[in-house]
Amino acid sequence: MTRFQPSPRPATTPWDIPDRAEQVLPGIWRVWTPSHGGYVLSDERQAAMPDALRRDDPFYEEDVDYALVLYGFADEFRRLPIPGIALQVENARRSVRCWHPDRWKVLTG
C-alpha cells in the first residue's frame, strides 16, 4: 500500500480562502470557506486518484465531487475512527454512480 506524505494546508481554493482546514488523511484536506468547501488533494494524492475519478484540478467541491475523493480512497477512509464513516463511504459510492454515471461506467465496466 502506498504511504502518502502530509501536505501543506491549502492557502486558497476556487471557493475562497479557507477559514478552516483539516488534513483528514495525508495529502487530503477538507476545507471550509465562508461560502463553500470541499476536499483539496496534494499532487501526490491527485496522481493516485483512479483515472475515472480524477478531476483536472485537485479541488473536489462538497456537494457532489466530494464523493470522488471518498470513493477513490475508500479503504483508507473506512479505517478512520470517525462514527458513521462506513456509511459516508457507501453514500459516496452511490453518489458517484448517480451523479457521475460516465465515470462510474468507466470505473466499473
C-alpha atoms as a PDB file:
ATOM      1  CA  MET A   1       0.000   0.000   0.000  1.00  0.00           C
ATOM      2  CA  THR A   2       1.271   3.456  -0.885  1.00  0.00           C
ATOM      3  CA  ARG A   3       2.289   5.631   2.051  1.00  0.00           C
ATOM      4  CA  PHE A   4       1.317   9.196   1.280  1.00  0.00           C
ATOM      5  CA  GLN A   5       3.047  12.231   2.719  1.00  0.00           C
ATOM      6  CA  PRO A   6       1.307  15.008   4.633  1.00  0.00           C
ATOM      7  CA  SER A   7       0.974  18.214   2.631  1.00  0.00           C
ATOM      8  CA  PRO A   8       0.831  21.914   3.498  1.00  0.00           C
ATOM      9  CA  ARG A   9      -2.518  23.492   4.338  1.00  0.00           C
ATOM     10  CA  PRO A  10      -4.118  24.930   1.168  1.00  0.00           C
ATOM     11  CA  ALA A  11      -3.767  28.716   1.106  1.00  0.00           C
ATOM     12  CA  THR A  12      -6.591  29.230  -1.367  1.00  0.00           C
ATOM     13  CA  THR A  13      -9.334  27.331  -3.175  1.00  0.00           C
ATOM     14  CA  PRO A  14     -11.761  28.075  -6.021  1.00  0.00           C
ATOM     15  CA  TRP A  15     -14.335  28.752  -3.290  1.00  0.00           C
ATOM     16  CA  ASP A  16     -12.300  31.383  -1.394  1.00  0.00           C
ATOM     17  CA  ILE A  17      -9.580  31.362   1.237  1.00  0.00           C
ATOM     18  CA  PRO A  18     -10.219  28.571   3.749  1.00  0.00           C
ATOM     19  CA  ASP A  19     -11.240  29.747   7.188  1.00  0.00           C
ATOM     20  CA  ARG A  20     -10.964  26.159   8.416  1.00  0.00           C
ATOM     21  CA  ALA A  21      -8.986  23.181   7.109  1.00  0.00           C
ATOM     22  CA  GLU A  22      -8.318  19.669   8.373  1.00  0.00           C
ATOM     23  CA  GLN A  23      -5.945  17.131   6.864  1.00  0.00           C
ATOM     24  CA  VAL A  24      -8.173  14.049   7.141  1.00  0.00           C
ATOM     25  CA  LEU A  25      -5.619  11.736   5.530  1.00  0.00           C
ATOM     26  CA  PRO A  26      -2.053  12.554   4.465  1.00  0.00           C
ATOM     27  CA  GLY A  27      -2.392  14.766   1.386  1.00  0.00           C
ATOM     28  CA  ILE A  28      -6.193  15.095   1.625  1.00  0.00           C
ATOM     29  CA  TRP A  29      -7.526  18.324   3.114  1.00  0.00           C
ATOM     30  CA  ARG A  30     -11.147  19.022   3.985  1.00  0.00           C
ATOM     31  CA  VAL A  31     -11.622  22.785   3.708  1.00  0.00           C
ATOM     32  CA  TRP A  32     -14.387  25.192   4.626  1.00  0.00           C
ATOM     33  CA  THR A  33     -14.750  28.758   3.362  1.00  0.00           C
ATOM     34  CA  PRO A  34     -17.413  31.355   4.190  1.00  0.00           C
ATOM     35  CA  SER A  35     -19.379  30.295   1.101  1.00  0.00           C
ATOM     36  CA  HIS A  36     -18.498  26.692   0.234  1.00  0.00           C
ATOM     37  CA  GLY A  37     -15.911  23.963   0.697  1.00  0.00           C
ATOM     38  CA  GLY A  38     -14.743  20.520  -0.231  1.00  0.00           C
ATOM     39  CA  TYR A  39     -11.590  18.446  -0.486  1.00  0.00           C
ATOM     40  CA  VAL A  40      -8.203  19.570  -1.779  1.00  0.00           C
ATOM     41  CA  LEU A  41      -5.702  16.898  -2.810  1.00  0.00           C
ATOM     42  CA  SER A  42      -1.926  17.129  -2.819  1.00  0.00           C
ATOM     43  CA  ASP A  43      -0.150  16.486  -6.117  1.00  0.00           C
ATOM     44  CA  GLU A  44       0.733  13.000  -4.859  1.00  0.00           C
ATOM     45  CA  ARG A  45      -2.885  12.201  -3.980  1.00  0.00           C
ATOM     46  CA  GLN A  46      -4.211  13.695  -7.201  1.00  0.00           C
ATOM     47  CA  ALA A  47      -1.853  11.454  -9.192  1.00  0.00           C
ATOM     48  CA  ALA A  48      -3.019   8.420  -7.191  1.00  0.00           C
ATOM     49  CA  MET A  49      -6.729   9.016  -7.850  1.00  0.00           C
ATOM     50  CA  PRO A  50      -8.181   6.366 -10.158  1.00  0.00           C
ATOM     51  CA  ASP A  51      -8.242   7.790 -13.690  1.00  0.00           C
ATOM     52  CA  ALA A  52     -12.027   7.518 -13.904  1.00  0.00           C
ATOM     53  CA  LEU A  53     -12.481   9.567 -10.721  1.00  0.00           C
ATOM     54  CA  ARG A  54      -9.741  12.176 -11.158  1.00  0.00           C
ATOM     55  CA  ARG A  55     -10.715  15.756 -11.931  1.00  0.00           C
ATOM     56  CA  ASP A  56      -8.417  18.000 -13.963  1.00  0.00           C
ATOM     57  CA  ASP A  57      -7.699  20.041 -10.839  1.00  0.00           C
ATOM     58  CA  PRO A  58      -7.259  18.925  -7.215  1.00  0.00           C
ATOM     59  CA  PHE A  59     -10.412  20.658  -5.935  1.00  0.00           C
ATOM     60  CA  TYR A  60     -13.425  18.443  -5.195  1.00  0.00           C
ATOM     61  CA  GLU A  61     -16.412  20.517  -4.040  1.00  0.00           C
ATOM     62  CA  GLU A  62     -18.532  19.403  -1.108  1.00  0.00           C
ATOM     63  CA  ASP A  63     -21.904  18.855  -2.796  1.00  0.00           C
ATOM     64  CA  VAL A  64     -21.137  16.196  -5.406  1.00  0.00           C
ATOM     65  CA  ASP A  65     -17.435  15.832  -6.204  1.00  0.00           C
ATOM     66  CA  TYR A  66     -16.527  15.042  -2.589  1.00  0.00           C
ATOM     67  CA  ALA A  67     -17.773  11.545  -3.397  1.00  0.00           C
ATOM     68  CA  LEU A  68     -14.968  11.042  -5.904  1.00  0.00           C
ATOM     69  CA  VAL A  69     -12.420  11.505  -3.106  1.00  0.00           C
ATOM     70  CA  LEU A  70     -14.162   9.303  -0.545  1.00  0.00           C
ATOM     71  CA  TYR A  71     -14.737   6.542  -3.074  1.00  0.00           C
ATOM     72  CA  GLY A  72     -11.289   6.898  -4.647  1.00  0.00           C
ATOM     73  CA  PHE A  73      -9.625   6.327  -1.275  1.00  0.00           C
ATOM     74  CA  ALA A  74     -12.440   4.305   0.309  1.00  0.00           C
ATOM     75  CA  ASP A  75     -10.230   1.763   2.082  1.00  0.00           C
ATOM     76  CA  GLU A  76      -8.291   4.483   3.880  1.00  0.00           C
ATOM     77  CA  PHE A  77     -11.390   6.477   4.792  1.00  0.00           C
ATOM     78  CA  ARG A  78     -13.071   3.349   6.219  1.00  0.00           C
ATOM     79  CA  ARG A  79     -10.157   2.920   8.638  1.00  0.00           C
ATOM     80  CA  LEU A  80     -10.605   6.384  10.154  1.00  0.00           C
ATOM     81  CA  PRO A  81     -12.005   6.391  13.709  1.00  0.00           C
ATOM     82  CA  ILE A  82     -14.998   8.509  12.708  1.00  0.00           C
ATOM     83  CA  PRO A  83     -18.505   7.387  13.688  1.00  0.00           C
ATOM     84  CA  GLY A  84     -20.534   6.597  10.578  1.00  0.00           C
ATOM     85  CA  ILE A  85     -17.596   6.712   8.152  1.00  0.00           C
ATOM     86  CA  ALA A  86     -18.578   3.400   6.517  1.00  0.00           C
ATOM     87  CA  LEU A  87     -21.995   4.884   5.719  1.00  0.00           C
ATOM     88  CA  GLN A  88     -20.354   8.036   4.339  1.00  0.00           C
ATOM     89  CA  VAL A  89     -18.185   5.929   2.022  1.00  0.00           C
ATOM     90  CA  GLU A  90     -21.224   3.928   0.896  1.00  0.00           C
ATOM     91  CA  ASN A  91     -23.114   7.160   0.217  1.00  0.00           C
ATOM     92  CA  ALA A  92     -20.111   8.356  -1.789  1.00  0.00           C
ATOM     93  CA  ARG A  93     -20.259   5.183  -3.899  1.00  0.00           C
ATOM     94  CA  ARG A  94     -23.943   5.793  -4.584  1.00  0.00           C
ATOM     95  CA  SER A  95     -23.306   9.454  -5.385  1.00  0.00           C
ATOM     96  CA  VAL A  96     -20.605   8.581  -7.914  1.00  0.00           C
ATOM     97  CA  ARG A  97     -22.955   6.088  -9.557  1.00  0.00           C
ATOM     98  CA  CYS A  98     -25.864   8.577  -9.716  1.00  0.00           C
ATOM     99  CA  TRP A  99     -24.146  11.937 -10.287  1.00  0.00           C
ATOM    100  CA  HIS A 100     -21.162  10.780 -12.364  1.00  0.00           C
ATOM    101  CA  PRO A 101     -22.595   7.927 -14.473  1.00  0.00           C
ATOM    102  CA  ASP A 102     -19.921   8.230 -17.179  1.00  0.00           C
ATOM    103  CA  ARG A 103     -17.138   7.981 -14.608  1.00  0.00           C
ATOM    104  CA  TRP A 104     -18.961   5.086 -12.898  1.00  0.00           C
ATOM    105  CA  LYS A 105     -19.231   3.182 -16.177  1.00  0.00           C
ATOM    106  CA  VAL A 106     -15.515   3.584 -16.907  1.00  0.00           C
ATOM    107  CA  LEU A 107     -14.631   2.578 -13.351  1.00  0.00           C
ATOM    108  CA  THR A 108     -16.861  -0.485 -13.122  1.00  0.00           C
ATOM    109  CA  GLY A 109     -17.085  -1.556 -16.749  1.00  0.00           C
END
